[in-house]
Protein backbone atom coordinates (compact mmCIF):
# COMPACT_ATOMS: atom_id res chain seq x y z
CA MET A 1 -0.08 0.29 0.03
CA GLN A 2 3.03 2.32 0.89
CA ALA A 3 4.05 2.02 -2.86
CA ILE A 4 0.68 2.56 -4.49
CA ILE A 5 0.66 6.14 -1.85
CA LEU A 6 3.65 7.55 -2.98
CA LEU A 7 2.81 6.56 -6.97
CA ILE A 8 -0.09 8.48 -6.28
CA ILE A 9 2.43 11.50 -4.49
CA SER A 10 4.29 11.29 -7.73
CA ASN A 11 1.80 11.71 -10.49
CA ILE A 12 0.41 14.64 -8.97
CA PHE A 13 3.46 16.07 -8.96
CA MET A 14 4.23 14.38 -12.58
CA THR A 15 1.32 15.75 -13.72
CA PHE A 16 1.88 19.30 -12.47
CA ALA A 17 5.26 18.75 -13.66
CA TRP A 18 3.79 17.87 -17.25
CA TYR A 19 0.96 19.91 -17.72
CA GLY A 20 0.74 22.05 -15.31
CA HIS A 21 2.23 25.25 -17.62
CA LEU A 22 -0.63 24.62 -20.56
CA LYS A 23 -2.29 27.18 -18.17
CA TYR A 24 0.24 29.56 -18.41
CA LYS A 25 1.15 29.74 -22.08
CA HIS A 26 2.12 33.43 -22.06
CA VAL A 27 5.74 32.61 -19.33
CA ALA A 28 8.30 31.90 -21.06
CA LEU A 29 9.15 28.54 -22.42
CA PRO A 30 12.82 28.11 -20.72
CA ILE A 31 11.38 29.47 -17.47
CA VAL A 32 8.92 26.56 -18.48
CA ILE A 33 11.92 24.00 -18.53
CA ILE A 34 13.56 24.86 -15.32
CA THR A 35 10.22 25.23 -13.48
CA SER A 36 8.77 21.75 -14.95
CA TRP A 37 12.31 19.77 -14.29
CA LEU A 38 11.99 20.85 -10.29
CA ILE A 39 8.78 19.37 -10.16
CA ALA A 40 9.87 16.65 -11.52
CA PHE A 41 13.47 16.36 -9.27
CA ILE A 42 10.10 16.09 -6.58
CA GLU A 43 7.72 13.68 -8.19
CA TYR A 44 11.37 11.72 -8.83
CA CYS A 45 11.78 11.71 -5.06
CA PHE A 46 8.52 9.70 -4.58
CA GLN A 47 8.90 7.66 -7.51
CA VAL A 48 11.79 5.36 -7.33
CA PRO A 49 11.36 4.91 -3.73
CA ALA A 50 7.26 3.76 -5.00
CA ASN A 51 9.48 1.55 -7.83
CA ARG A 52 11.90 0.51 -4.90
CA ILE A 53 9.13 -0.43 -1.99
CA GLY A 54 6.71 -1.77 -4.63
CA SER A 55 9.75 -4.66 -6.20
CA GLU A 56 8.92 -6.09 -3.16
CA TYR A 57 5.50 -7.26 -3.52
CA PHE A 58 4.32 -6.96 -7.46
CA THR A 59 7.24 -7.69 -10.90
CA ALA A 60 8.29 -4.88 -12.94
CA ALA A 61 5.52 -5.12 -15.63
CA GLN A 62 2.59 -5.31 -13.16
CA LEU A 63 4.00 -1.98 -11.39
CA LYS A 64 4.75 -0.61 -14.47
CA ILE A 65 0.75 -1.23 -15.29
CA LEU A 66 -0.51 0.02 -12.55
CA GLN A 67 1.52 3.37 -12.81
CA GLU A 68 0.31 3.25 -15.84
CA VAL A 69 -3.54 3.37 -14.36
CA ILE A 70 -2.14 6.01 -11.40
CA THR A 71 -0.84 8.27 -13.86
CA LEU A 72 -4.23 8.07 -16.10
CA THR A 73 -6.60 8.39 -13.12
CA VAL A 74 -4.45 11.43 -11.62
CA PHE A 75 -4.36 13.12 -15.03
CA ALA A 76 -8.40 12.44 -15.68
CA PHE A 77 -8.90 14.18 -12.71
CA PHE A 78 -6.50 16.90 -13.10
CA SER A 79 -7.58 17.84 -17.06
CA VAL A 80 -11.27 18.28 -15.79
CA ILE A 81 -10.65 19.94 -12.22
CA TYR A 82 -7.56 22.39 -13.00
CA LEU A 83 -7.74 21.93 -16.49
CA LYS A 84 -11.16 23.21 -17.08
CA GLU A 85 -11.35 20.10 -20.02
CA GLY A 86 -14.19 18.24 -20.39
CA PHE A 87 -14.39 13.97 -19.16
CA LYS A 88 -15.90 12.66 -22.13
CA TRP A 89 -17.62 8.73 -22.48
CA ASN A 90 -15.32 7.40 -24.90
CA PHE A 91 -12.82 8.40 -22.23
CA ALA A 92 -14.12 6.59 -19.94
CA LEU A 93 -14.05 3.68 -21.69
CA SER A 94 -10.74 3.57 -22.86
CA PHE A 95 -10.22 3.42 -19.03
CA LEU A 96 -11.93 0.52 -18.76
CA PHE A 97 -9.93 -1.52 -21.63
CA ILE A 98 -6.50 -0.51 -19.58
CA LEU A 99 -8.30 -1.61 -16.10
CA GLY A 100 -9.48 -4.93 -18.58
CA ALA A 101 -5.55 -5.08 -18.60
CA VAL A 102 -4.90 -4.30 -15.15
CA PHE A 103 -6.67 -7.47 -14.53
CA PHE A 104 -4.56 -9.73 -16.91
CA ALA A 105 -1.27 -8.33 -15.72
CA PHE A 106 -2.40 -9.42 -11.86
CA LYS A 107 -4.25 -12.62 -13.01
CA LYS A 108 -2.52 -15.62 -11.93
CA PHE A 109 -2.33 -17.80 -15.23
C-alpha cells in the first residue's frame, strides 16, 4: 500500500510538471522548462522509492501497469479540475480497457 500511495503522490507532481504549464502559455518556454524540471525532481523523490518498495510485492511489469493506471486516473482529475477540460464517454471507455489490462497483468495463470 505504501508503494501505491507514493506512486499517487509522484504522479500528482509529474502531471503538474508535464501539463501544469498549459494554463500559463504566456510564460517564456525556458522558465517553463526549468520549473518543470524542478517539479519533476520532487516527483522522482517519490517515484524511485515507490518502485523500490513496490518491487518487493510486484513484478516490474505489474509496477508499470499500476503506474499507468494511476497516471491516467490522476490526469483525468487534473484535466477536469485544473485545466477545466471535459471528460467524454470515449475517455471513460478507454479507461475501462486499461483496467482490463490491469486485471490480466495481475491474474495468475
